[in-house]
Amino acid sequence: MAERLPGVREPLPLTLAVPRGRAVIRQGDSGSGLWVVESGALVATIVAPDGHMLALDVLGTGDAVGEPAGQESAATVRALRLSRLRPVDPVDVPMLLAARAARAAATALDLAWMDVPSRVRHRLDDLATRFGLALETGTRIGLSLTQEDLAALTGTSRESVNRALRAMERADRLAIEGRGRYVVPRRPGASVPITEAGLRPPPGGSSGCRSSSSGRGPSLDGRSGHTPAAGPAARPPRPPCPDRATRPSASSFNRWASTERAARGCTSGGCAA
């Protein structure tokens, strides 16, 4: 058997398999180089001197893990499920670090300006986009997350997360399938195809109607709608929408688009100004 020569470093493996629950690097450790996620999911957490924990992010495919060689790690990164990592090409290091910094800045803005229900909605929406499984009714988040996990991801208490989840469930903004399993419902109109260049369905997915609700309300990204102030260029008010059950479908939208094109003098060569 060949002996390892003193001072000679072994080459890095092509991939590194990290079992669920295993830490890749711990807060305060010295980094040995960056890795990138090939598959799986990991969570980066930081513990304050008073013992409070904040989950900085959930890392998925394409995200950077670890720190450049010799740099102290600010967070502990552990696998939420079996994950595979590969060493980062030095050329890609600046891009990956910039992307990580941008997500950290976005998280700081959420914590500073969003209330707790909005932060919970925004986190769930982000996780559904990045780790979701598409269903007919919406998107199932492909991670098992306890209320304690969501509290760490949103910088709040488990009790506050519980109240936010129950409010979302009552408002049909979330389906809870069991402990740690969530489905984010499909947004209204998300499946309506846009088949005509320059023509888009009016708000509400119907023929220029307006919702009978107040016009204000939080969306899944935590922002509230608003009614623009009247002015010289303001559009005339739209008629009320029919009930949700009788709203036009995608085929109705296509008929509306054809009528709109005809009214604008559209031909196969284009539309009149």
C-alpha atoms as a PDB file:
ATOM      1  CA  MET A   1       0.000   0.000   0.000  1.00  0.00           C
ATOM      2  CA  ALA A   2       1.354   3.374  -0.992  1.00  0.00           C
ATOM      3  CA  GLU A   3       2.114   5.816   1.815  1.00  0.00           C
ATOM      4  CA  ARG A   4       0.739   9.364   1.802  1.00  0.00           C
ATOM      5  CA  LEU A   5       3.634  11.791   1.468  1.00  0.00           C
ATOM      6  CA  PRO A   6       3.844  14.508   4.158  1.00  0.00           C
ATOM      7  CA  GLY A   7       2.368  17.824   3.040  1.00  0.00           C
ATOM      8  CA  VAL A   8       0.607  16.317   0.009  1.00  0.00           C
ATOM      9  CA  ARG A   9      -3.131  17.031  -0.012  1.00  0.00           C
ATOM     10  CA  GLU A  10      -5.548  14.433  -1.282  1.00  0.00           C
ATOM     11  CA  PRO A  11      -7.641  15.544  -4.295  1.00  0.00           C
ATOM     12  CA  LEU A  12     -11.207  16.557  -3.539  1.00  0.00           C
ATOM     13  CA  PRO A  13     -13.850  13.942  -4.378  1.00  0.00           C
ATOM     14  CA  LEU A  14     -15.978  14.541  -7.466  1.00  0.00           C
ATOM     15  CA  THR A  15     -19.122  14.590  -5.297  1.00  0.00           C
ATOM     16  CA  LEU A  16     -19.826  14.561  -1.582  1.00  0.00           C
ATOM     17  CA  ALA A  17     -22.927  12.781  -0.259  1.00  0.00           C
ATOM     18  CA  VAL A  18     -24.349  14.352   2.908  1.00  0.00           C
ATOM     19  CA  PRO A  19     -26.925  12.271   4.829  1.00  0.00           C
ATOM     20  CA  ARG A  20     -29.971  13.927   6.338  1.00  0.00           C
ATOM     21  CA  GLY A  21     -29.110  15.715   9.587  1.00  0.00           C
ATOM     22  CA  ARG A  22     -25.346  15.782   8.937  1.00  0.00           C
ATOM     23  CA  ALA A  23     -23.564  19.153   9.229  1.00  0.00           C
ATOM     24  CA  VAL A  24     -21.290  20.123   6.348  1.00  0.00           C
ATOM     25  CA  ILE A  25     -19.709  23.003   8.250  1.00  0.00           C
ATOM     26  CA  ARG A  26     -20.363  24.528  11.671  1.00  0.00           C
ATOM     27  CA  GLN A  27     -20.550  28.124  12.809  1.00  0.00           C
ATOM     28  CA  GLY A  28     -17.053  29.325  13.696  1.00  0.00           C
ATOM     29  CA  ASP A  29     -15.235  26.610  11.734  1.00  0.00           C
ATOM     30  CA  SER A  30     -12.545  27.568   9.239  1.00  0.00           C
ATOM     31  CA  GLY A  31     -13.671  27.014   5.657  1.00  0.00           C
ATOM     32  CA  SER A  32     -11.861  24.563   3.403  1.00  0.00           C
ATOM     33  CA  GLY A  33     -13.385  25.767   0.148  1.00  0.00           C
ATOM     34  CA  LEU A  34     -16.748  26.275  -1.486  1.00  0.00           C
ATOM     35  CA  TRP A  35     -19.069  23.520  -2.649  1.00  0.00           C
ATOM     36  CA  VAL A  36     -22.164  23.787  -4.800  1.00  0.00           C
ATOM     37  CA  VAL A  37     -25.381  21.819  -4.297  1.00  0.00           C
ATOM     38  CA  GLU A  38     -26.063  19.278  -7.040  1.00  0.00           C
ATOM     39  CA  SER A  39     -29.192  17.860  -5.422  1.00  0.00           C
ATOM     40  CA  GLY A  40     -31.002  17.858  -2.109  1.00  0.00           C
ATOM     41  CA  ALA A  41     -31.680  20.598   0.422  1.00  0.00           C
ATOM     42  CA  LEU A  42     -29.656  22.050   3.293  1.00  0.00           C
ATOM     43  CA  VAL A  43     -30.381  24.748   5.856  1.00  0.00           C
ATOM     44  CA  ALA A  44     -27.948  27.430   7.002  1.00  0.00           C
ATOM     45  CA  THR A  45     -28.491  28.541  10.614  1.00  0.00           C
ATOM     46  CA  ILE A  46     -26.802  31.023  12.913  1.00  0.00           C
ATOM     47  CA  VAL A  47     -27.031  31.130  16.721  1.00  0.00           C
ATOM     48  CA  ALA A  48     -26.799  34.451  18.564  1.00  0.00           C
ATOM     49  CA  PRO A  49     -24.862  34.778  21.848  1.00  0.00           C
ATOM     50  CA  ASP A  50     -28.183  34.738  23.753  1.00  0.00           C
ATOM     51  CA  GLY A  51     -29.085  31.384  22.204  1.00  0.00           C
ATOM     52  CA  HIS A  52     -31.679  32.554  19.669  1.00  0.00           C
ATOM     53  CA  MET A  53     -31.392  30.796  16.309  1.00  0.00           C
ATOM     54  CA  LEU A  54     -32.121  32.243  12.869  1.00  0.00           C
ATOM     55  CA  ALA A  55     -32.262  30.140   9.717  1.00  0.00           C
ATOM     56  CA  LEU A  56     -30.592  32.276   7.070  1.00  0.00           C
ATOM     57  CA  ASP A  57     -31.704  30.245   4.059  1.00  0.00           C
ATOM     58  CA  VAL A  58     -32.619  26.857   2.646  1.00  0.00           C
ATOM     59  CA  LEU A  59     -29.996  25.901   0.071  1.00  0.00           C
ATOM     60  CA  GLY A  60     -30.900  23.971  -3.060  1.00  0.00           C
ATOM     61  CA  THR A  61     -29.487  23.043  -6.442  1.00  0.00           C
ATOM     62  CA  GLY A  62     -26.951  25.619  -7.628  1.00  0.00           C
ATOM     63  CA  ASP A  63     -26.439  27.302  -4.242  1.00  0.00           C
ATOM     64  CA  ALA A  64     -23.039  27.682  -2.593  1.00  0.00           C
ATOM     65  CA  VAL A  65     -22.170  25.806   0.614  1.00  0.00           C
ATOM     66  CA  GLY A  66     -19.251  26.513   2.923  1.00  0.00           C
ATOM     67  CA  GLU A  67     -16.647  29.263   2.871  1.00  0.00           C
ATOM     68  CA  PRO A  68     -13.474  30.021   0.904  1.00  0.00           C
ATOM     69  CA  ALA A  69     -10.398  28.351   2.371  1.00  0.00           C
ATOM     70  CA  GLY A  70      -9.287  29.937   5.630  1.00  0.00           C
ATOM     71  CA  GLN A  71     -12.406  32.071   6.103  1.00  0.00           C
ATOM     72  CA  GLU A  72     -14.454  31.570   9.264  1.00  0.00           C
ATOM     73  CA  SER A  73     -17.968  30.260   8.702  1.00  0.00           C
ATOM     74  CA  ALA A  74     -20.745  32.507   9.975  1.00  0.00           C
ATOM     75  CA  ALA A  75     -23.317  29.700   9.922  1.00  0.00           C
ATOM     76  CA  THR A  76     -23.872  25.997  10.434  1.00  0.00           C
ATOM     77  CA  VAL A  77     -25.081  24.154   7.334  1.00  0.00           C
ATOM     78  CA  ARG A  78     -26.833  20.803   7.746  1.00  0.00           C
ATOM     79  CA  ALA A  79     -28.714  18.582   5.320  1.00  0.00           C
ATOM     80  CA  LEU A  80     -32.508  18.487   5.471  1.00  0.00           C
ATOM     81  CA  ARG A  81     -32.439  15.401   3.265  1.00  0.00           C
ATOM     82  CA  LEU A  82     -29.803  13.393   1.422  1.00  0.00           C
ATOM     83  CA  SER A  83     -27.814  15.958  -0.535  1.00  0.00           C
ATOM     84  CA  ARG A  84     -24.948  15.833  -3.002  1.00  0.00           C
ATOM     85  CA  LEU A  85     -22.299  18.524  -3.312  1.00  0.00           C
ATOM     86  CA  ARG A  86     -19.424  19.075  -5.712  1.00  0.00           C
ATOM     87  CA  PRO A  87     -16.383  21.350  -5.474  1.00  0.00           C
ATOM     88  CA  VAL A  88     -16.754  24.777  -7.045  1.00  0.00           C
ATOM     89  CA  ASP A  89     -14.727  25.791 -10.045  1.00  0.00           C
ATOM     90  CA  PRO A  90     -12.651  28.822  -8.916  1.00  0.00           C
ATOM     91  CA  VAL A  91     -14.055  30.789 -11.859  1.00  0.00           C
ATOM     92  CA  ASP A  92     -17.566  30.462 -10.400  1.00  0.00           C
ATOM     93  CA  VAL A  93     -16.707  31.551  -6.859  1.00  0.00           C
ATOM     94  CA  PRO A  94     -17.422  35.311  -7.260  1.00  0.00           C
ATOM     95  CA  MET A  95     -20.779  34.651  -8.928  1.00  0.00           C
ATOM     96  CA  LEU A  96     -21.897  32.190  -6.243  1.00  0.00           C
ATOM     97  CA  LEU A  97     -20.837  34.463  -3.391  1.00  0.00           C
ATOM     98  CA  ALA A  98     -22.646  37.407  -5.010  1.00  0.00           C
ATOM     99  CA  ALA A  99     -25.825  35.350  -5.380  1.00  0.00           C
ATOM    100  CA  ARG A 100     -25.633  34.309  -1.719  1.00  0.00           C
ATOM    101  CA  ALA A 101     -25.138  37.918  -0.619  1.00  0.00           C
ATOM    102  CA  ALA A 102     -28.136  39.028  -2.697  1.00  0.00           C
ATOM    103  CA  ARG A 103     -30.417  36.455  -1.054  1.00  0.00           C
ATOM    104  CA  ALA A 104     -29.114  37.447   2.386  1.00  0.00           C
ATOM    105  CA  ALA A 105     -29.926  41.086   1.635  1.00  0.00           C
ATOM    106  CA  ALA A 106     -33.445  40.129   0.508  1.00  0.00           C
ATOM    107  CA  THR A 107     -33.961  38.193   3.743  1.00  0.00           C
ATOM    108  CA  ALA A 108     -32.818  41.206   5.775  1.00  0.00           C
ATOM    109  CA  LEU A 109     -35.387  43.383   3.983  1.00  0.00           C
ATOM    110  CA  ASP A 110     -38.150  40.884   4.726  1.00  0.00           C
ATOM    111  CA  LEU A 111     -37.253  40.806   8.418  1.00  0.00           C
ATOM    112  CA  ALA A 112     -37.068  44.594   8.591  1.00  0.00           C
ATOM    113  CA  TRP A 113     -40.246  45.565   6.756  1.00  0.00           C
ATOM    114  CA  MET A 114     -42.691  42.639   6.624  1.00  0.00           C
ATOM    115  CA  ASP A 115     -45.018  41.623   9.434  1.00  0.00           C
ATOM    116  CA  VAL A 116     -44.990  38.006  10.604  1.00  0.00           C
ATOM    117  CA  PRO A 117     -47.889  36.707   8.446  1.00  0.00           C
ATOM    118  CA  SER A 118     -46.319  38.273   5.363  1.00  0.00           C
ATOM    119  CA  ARG A 119     -42.905  36.777   6.158  1.00  0.00           C
ATOM    120  CA  VAL A 120     -44.432  33.313   6.586  1.00  0.00           C
ATOM    121  CA  ARG A 121     -46.341  33.605   3.291  1.00  0.00           C
ATOM    122  CA  HIS A 122     -43.243  34.837   1.486  1.00  0.00           C
ATOM    123  CA  ARG A 123     -41.044  32.021   2.807  1.00  0.00           C
ATOM    124  CA  LEU A 124     -43.595  29.350   1.907  1.00  0.00           C
ATOM    125  CA  ASP A 125     -44.017  30.820  -1.566  1.00  0.00           C
ATOM    126  CA  ASP A 126     -40.239  30.822  -2.078  1.00  0.00           C
ATOM    127  CA  LEU A 127     -39.899  27.222  -0.873  1.00  0.00           C
ATOM    128  CA  ALA A 128     -42.766  26.102  -3.104  1.00  0.00           C
ATOM    129  CA  THR A 129     -41.073  27.713  -6.101  1.00  0.00           C
ATOM    130  CA  ARG A 130     -37.673  26.145  -5.407  1.00  0.00           C
ATOM    131  CA  PHE A 131     -38.573  22.776  -3.865  1.00  0.00           C
ATOM    132  CA  GLY A 132     -42.174  22.281  -4.951  1.00  0.00           C
ATOM    133  CA  LEU A 133     -44.024  19.405  -6.594  1.00  0.00           C
ATOM    134  CA  ALA A 134     -46.773  20.574  -8.955  1.00  0.00           C
ATOM    135  CA  LEU A 135     -50.283  19.312  -8.218  1.00  0.00           C
ATOM    136  CA  GLU A 136     -53.613  20.077  -9.858  1.00  0.00           C
ATOM    137  CA  THR A 137     -54.600  22.215  -6.883  1.00  0.00           C
ATOM    138  CA  GLY A 138     -51.266  23.920  -6.280  1.00  0.00           C
ATOM    139  CA  THR A 139     -47.684  23.161  -5.268  1.00  0.00           C
ATOM    140  CA  ARG A 140     -46.625  20.831  -2.480  1.00  0.00           C
ATOM    141  CA  ILE A 141     -43.424  21.912  -0.729  1.00  0.00           C
ATOM    142  CA  GLY A 142     -41.033  18.975  -0.950  1.00  0.00           C
ATOM    143  CA  LEU A 143     -39.611  19.480   2.543  1.00  0.00           C
ATOM    144  CA  SER A 144     -40.899  18.523   5.954  1.00  0.00           C
ATOM    145  CA  LEU A 145     -40.847  21.733   7.992  1.00  0.00           C
ATOM    146  CA  THR A 146     -42.031  21.974  11.580  1.00  0.00           C
ATOM    147  CA  GLN A 147     -43.435  25.191  12.978  1.00  0.00           C
ATOM    148  CA  GLU A 148     -40.146  25.608  14.821  1.00  0.00           C
ATOM    149  CA  ASP A 149     -38.335  25.421  11.464  1.00  0.00           C
ATOM    150  CA  LEU A 150     -40.623  28.078   9.971  1.00  0.00           C
ATOM    151  CA  ALA A 151     -40.138  30.237  13.064  1.00  0.00           C
ATOM    152  CA  ALA A 152     -36.357  30.080  12.575  1.00  0.00           C
ATOM    153  CA  LEU A 153     -36.773  30.903   8.866  1.00  0.00           C
ATOM    154  CA  THR A 154     -38.921  33.953   9.606  1.00  0.00           C
ATOM    155  CA  GLY A 155     -37.296  35.283  12.773  1.00  0.00           C
ATOM    156  CA  THR A 156     -40.301  34.863  15.038  1.00  0.00           C
ATOM    157  CA  SER A 157     -41.831  32.483  17.591  1.00  0.00           C
ATOM    158  CA  ARG A 158     -43.552  29.156  16.978  1.00  0.00           C
ATOM    159  CA  GLU A 159     -46.793  30.580  18.380  1.00  0.00           C
ATOM    160  CA  SER A 160     -46.758  33.439  15.859  1.00  0.00           C
ATOM    161  CA  VAL A 161     -46.104  30.992  13.016  1.00  0.00           C
ATOM    162  CA  ASN A 162     -49.019  28.828  14.188  1.00  0.00           C
ATOM    163  CA  ARG A 163     -51.390  31.809  14.093  1.00  0.00           C
ATOM    164  CA  ALA A 164     -50.157  32.820  10.632  1.00  0.00           C
ATOM    165  CA  LEU A 165     -50.581  29.282   9.252  1.00  0.00           C
ATOM    166  CA  ARG A 166     -54.112  28.950  10.628  1.00  0.00           C
ATOM    167  CA  ALA A 167     -55.081  32.328   9.157  1.00  0.00           C
ATOM    168  CA  MET A 168     -53.711  31.296   5.751  1.00  0.00           C
ATOM    169  CA  GLU A 169     -55.590  27.998   5.958  1.00  0.00           C
ATOM    170  CA  ARG A 170     -58.885  29.752   6.769  1.00  0.00           C
ATOM    171  CA  ALA A 171     -58.347  32.126   3.843  1.00  0.00           C
ATOM    172  CA  ASP A 172     -57.635  29.209   1.455  1.00  0.00           C
ATOM    173  CA  ARG A 173     -54.086  30.458   0.932  1.00  0.00           C
ATOM    174  CA  LEU A 174     -52.545  27.256   2.284  1.00  0.00           C
ATOM    175  CA  ALA A 175     -53.427  23.592   2.718  1.00  0.00           C
ATOM    176  CA  ILE A 176     -51.835  21.708   5.626  1.00  0.00           C
ATOM    177  CA  GLU A 177     -51.619  17.992   4.825  1.00  0.00           C
ATOM    178  CA  GLY A 178     -50.024  16.918   8.090  1.00  0.00           C
ATOM    179  CA  ARG A 179     -47.156  17.755  10.382  1.00  0.00           C
ATOM    180  CA  GLY A 180     -44.671  19.771   8.348  1.00  0.00           C
ATOM    181  CA  ARG A 181     -46.404  19.219   4.979  1.00  0.00           C
ATOM    182  CA  TYR A 182     -47.798  22.228   3.113  1.00  0.00           C
ATOM    183  CA  VAL A 183     -49.461  22.882  -0.245  1.00  0.00           C
ATOM    184  CA  VAL A 184     -49.523  26.404  -1.660  1.00  0.00           C
ATOM    185  CA  PRO A 185     -52.723  26.723  -3.753  1.00  0.00           C
ATOM    186  CA  ARG A 186     -52.518  27.687  -7.401  1.00  0.00           C
ATOM    187  CA  ARG A 187     -53.000  31.389  -7.888  1.00  0.00           C
ATOM    188  CA  PRO A 188     -56.179  32.455  -9.707  1.00  0.00           C
ATOM    189  CA  GLY A 189     -55.564  32.722 -13.444  1.00  0.00           C
ATOM    190  CA  ALA A 190     -52.104  31.135 -13.256  1.00  0.00           C
ATOM    191  CA  SER A 191     -53.051  28.436 -15.764  1.00  0.00           C
ATOM    192  CA  VAL A 192     -54.648  30.790 -18.290  1.00  0.00           C
ATOM    193  CA  PRO A 193     -52.457  30.791 -21.413  1.00  0.00           C
ATOM    194  CA  ILE A 194     -51.318  34.027 -23.033  1.00  0.00           C
ATOM    195  CA  THR A 195     -51.587  33.123 -26.718  1.00  0.00           C
ATOM    196  CA  GLU A 196     -51.977  36.512 -28.373  1.00  0.00           C
ATOM    197  CA  ALA A 197     -48.985  38.817 -28.568  1.00  0.00           C
ATOM    198  CA  GLY A 198     -49.756  42.124 -26.933  1.00  0.00           C
ATOM    199  CA  LEU A 199     -53.065  40.928 -25.466  1.00  0.00           C
ATOM    200  CA  ARG A 200     -53.327  39.902 -21.822  1.00  0.00           C
ATOM    201  CA  PRO A 201     -56.402  38.975 -19.797  1.00  0.00           C
ATOM    202  CA  PRO A 202     -57.723  41.860 -17.713  1.00  0.00           C
ATOM    203  CA  PRO A 203     -57.353  41.743 -13.900  1.00  0.00           C
ATOM    204  CA  GLY A 204     -59.355  38.890 -12.395  1.00  0.00           C
ATOM    205  CA  GLY A 205     -59.075  36.763 -15.538  1.00  0.00           C
ATOM    206  CA  SER A 206     -62.439  37.930 -16.913  1.00  0.00           C
ATOM    207  CA  SER A 207     -63.667  40.434 -19.460  1.00  0.00           C
ATOM    208  CA  GLY A 208     -62.585  43.655 -17.811  1.00  0.00           C
ATOM    209  CA  CYS A 209     -64.523  43.087 -14.617  1.00  0.00           C
ATOM    210  CA  ARG A 210     -63.479  44.180 -11.143  1.00  0.00           C
ATOM    211  CA  SER A 211     -63.568  42.144  -7.989  1.00  0.00           C
ATOM    212  CA  SER A 212     -66.452  42.766  -5.649  1.00  0.00           C
ATOM    213  CA  SER A 213     -63.979  42.739  -2.731  1.00  0.00           C
ATOM    214  CA  SER A 214     -62.408  45.858  -1.274  1.00  0.00           C
ATOM    215  CA  GLY A 215     -59.549  45.934  -3.789  1.00  0.00           C
ATOM    216  CA  ARG A 216     -56.948  45.596  -1.055  1.00  0.00           C
ATOM    217  CA  GLY A 217     -55.541  42.399   0.357  1.00  0.00           C
ATOM    218  CA  PRO A 218     -52.272  40.590   0.911  1.00  0.00           C
ATOM    219  CA  SER A 219     -50.939  38.308  -1.792  1.00  0.00           C
ATOM    220  CA  LEU A 220     -48.659  35.339  -1.232  1.00  0.00           C
ATOM    221  CA  ASP A 221     -45.577  37.544  -1.566  1.00  0.00           C
ATOM    222  CA  GLY A 222     -46.724  39.701   1.342  1.00  0.00           C
ATOM    223  CA  ARG A 223     -47.591  42.782  -0.653  1.00  0.00           C
ATOM    224  CA  SER A 224     -50.995  44.435  -0.580  1.00  0.00           C
ATOM    225  CA  GLY A 225     -52.949  45.527  -3.607  1.00  0.00           C
ATOM    226  CA  HIS A 226     -54.030  49.123  -3.988  1.00  0.00           C
ATOM    227  CA  THR A 227     -56.414  51.155  -6.079  1.00  0.00           C
ATOM    228  CA  PRO A 228     -54.606  53.876  -8.083  1.00  0.00           C
ATOM    229  CA  ALA A 229     -55.701  57.446  -7.519  1.00  0.00           C
ATOM    230  CA  ALA A 230     -58.009  58.931 -10.133  1.00  0.00           C
ATOM    231  CA  GLY A 231     -56.386  61.218 -12.660  1.00  0.00           C
ATOM    232  CA  PRO A 232     -56.605  62.446 -16.251  1.00  0.00           C
ATOM    233  CA  ALA A 233     -55.339  59.110 -17.590  1.00  0.00           C
ATOM    234  CA  ALA A 234     -57.345  56.944 -15.195  1.00  0.00           C
ATOM    235  CA  ARG A 235     -59.399  54.190 -16.801  1.00  0.00           C
ATOM    236  CA  PRO A 236     -63.192  54.126 -16.305  1.00  0.00           C
ATOM    237  CA  PRO A 237     -64.378  51.785 -13.539  1.00  0.00           C
ATOM    238  CA  ARG A 238     -64.907  48.179 -14.580  1.00  0.00           C
ATOM    239  CA  PRO A 239     -68.205  46.340 -14.017  1.00  0.00           C
ATOM    240  CA  PRO A 240     -68.388  43.871 -11.130  1.00  0.00           C
ATOM    241  CA  CYS A 241     -67.109  40.344 -11.739  1.00  0.00           C
ATOM    242  CA  PRO A 242     -69.477  37.380 -11.746  1.00  0.00           C
ATOM    243  CA  ASP A 243     -69.182  34.824  -8.992  1.00  0.00           C
ATOM    244  CA  ARG A 244     -65.941  32.824  -8.931  1.00  0.00           C
ATOM    245  CA  ALA A 245     -67.757  29.679 -10.089  1.00  0.00           C
ATOM    246  CA  THR A 246     -69.069  31.416 -13.234  1.00  0.00           C
ATOM    247  CA  ARG A 247     -65.977  33.351 -14.227  1.00  0.00           C
ATOM    248  CA  PRO A 248     -64.858  32.767 -17.837  1.00  0.00           C
ATOM    249  CA  SER A 249     -62.338  29.999 -18.463  1.00  0.00           C
ATOM    250  CA  ALA A 250     -59.296  29.986 -20.723  1.00  0.00           C
ATOM    251  CA  SER A 251     -61.526  29.336 -23.754  1.00  0.00           C
ATOM    252  CA  SER A 252     -63.569  32.420 -22.820  1.00  0.00           C
ATOM    253  CA  PHE A 253     -60.385  34.428 -22.707  1.00  0.00           C
ATOM    254  CA  ASN A 254     -59.453  33.249 -26.194  1.00  0.00           C
ATOM    255  CA  ARG A 255     -62.880  34.354 -27.458  1.00  0.00           C
ATOM    256  CA  TRP A 256     -62.381  37.702 -25.741  1.00  0.00           C
ATOM    257  CA  ALA A 257     -58.929  38.008 -27.353  1.00  0.00           C
ATOM    258  CA  SER A 258     -60.371  37.318 -30.814  1.00  0.00           C
ATOM    259  CA  THR A 259     -63.067  39.953 -30.287  1.00  0.00           C
ATOM    260  CA  GLU A 260     -60.484  42.440 -29.055  1.00  0.00           C
ATOM    261  CA  ARG A 261     -58.272  41.836 -32.075  1.00  0.00           C
ATOM    262  CA  ALA A 262     -61.188  42.320 -34.434  1.00  0.00           C
ATOM    263  CA  ALA A 263     -62.157  45.569 -32.703  1.00  0.00           C
ATOM    264  CA  ARG A 264     -58.588  46.843 -33.092  1.00  0.00           C
ATOM    265  CA  GLY A 265     -58.483  45.937 -36.786  1.00  0.00           C
ATOM    266  CA  CYS A 266     -55.960  43.157 -36.301  1.00  0.00           C
ATOM    267  CA  THR A 267     -55.026  40.932 -39.209  1.00  0.00           C
ATOM    268  CA  SER A 268     -52.364  38.299 -39.707  1.00  0.00           C
ATOM    269  CA  GLY A 269     -50.013  41.152 -40.527  1.00  0.00           C
ATOM    270  CA  GLY A 270     -50.543  42.946 -37.231  1.00  0.00           C
ATOM    271  CA  CYS A 271     -52.875  45.354 -35.442  1.00  0.00           C
ATOM    272  CA  ALA A 272     -53.826  48.892 -36.287  1.00  0.00           C
ATOM    273  CA  ALA A 273     -52.336  51.579 -34.073  1.00  0.00           C
END
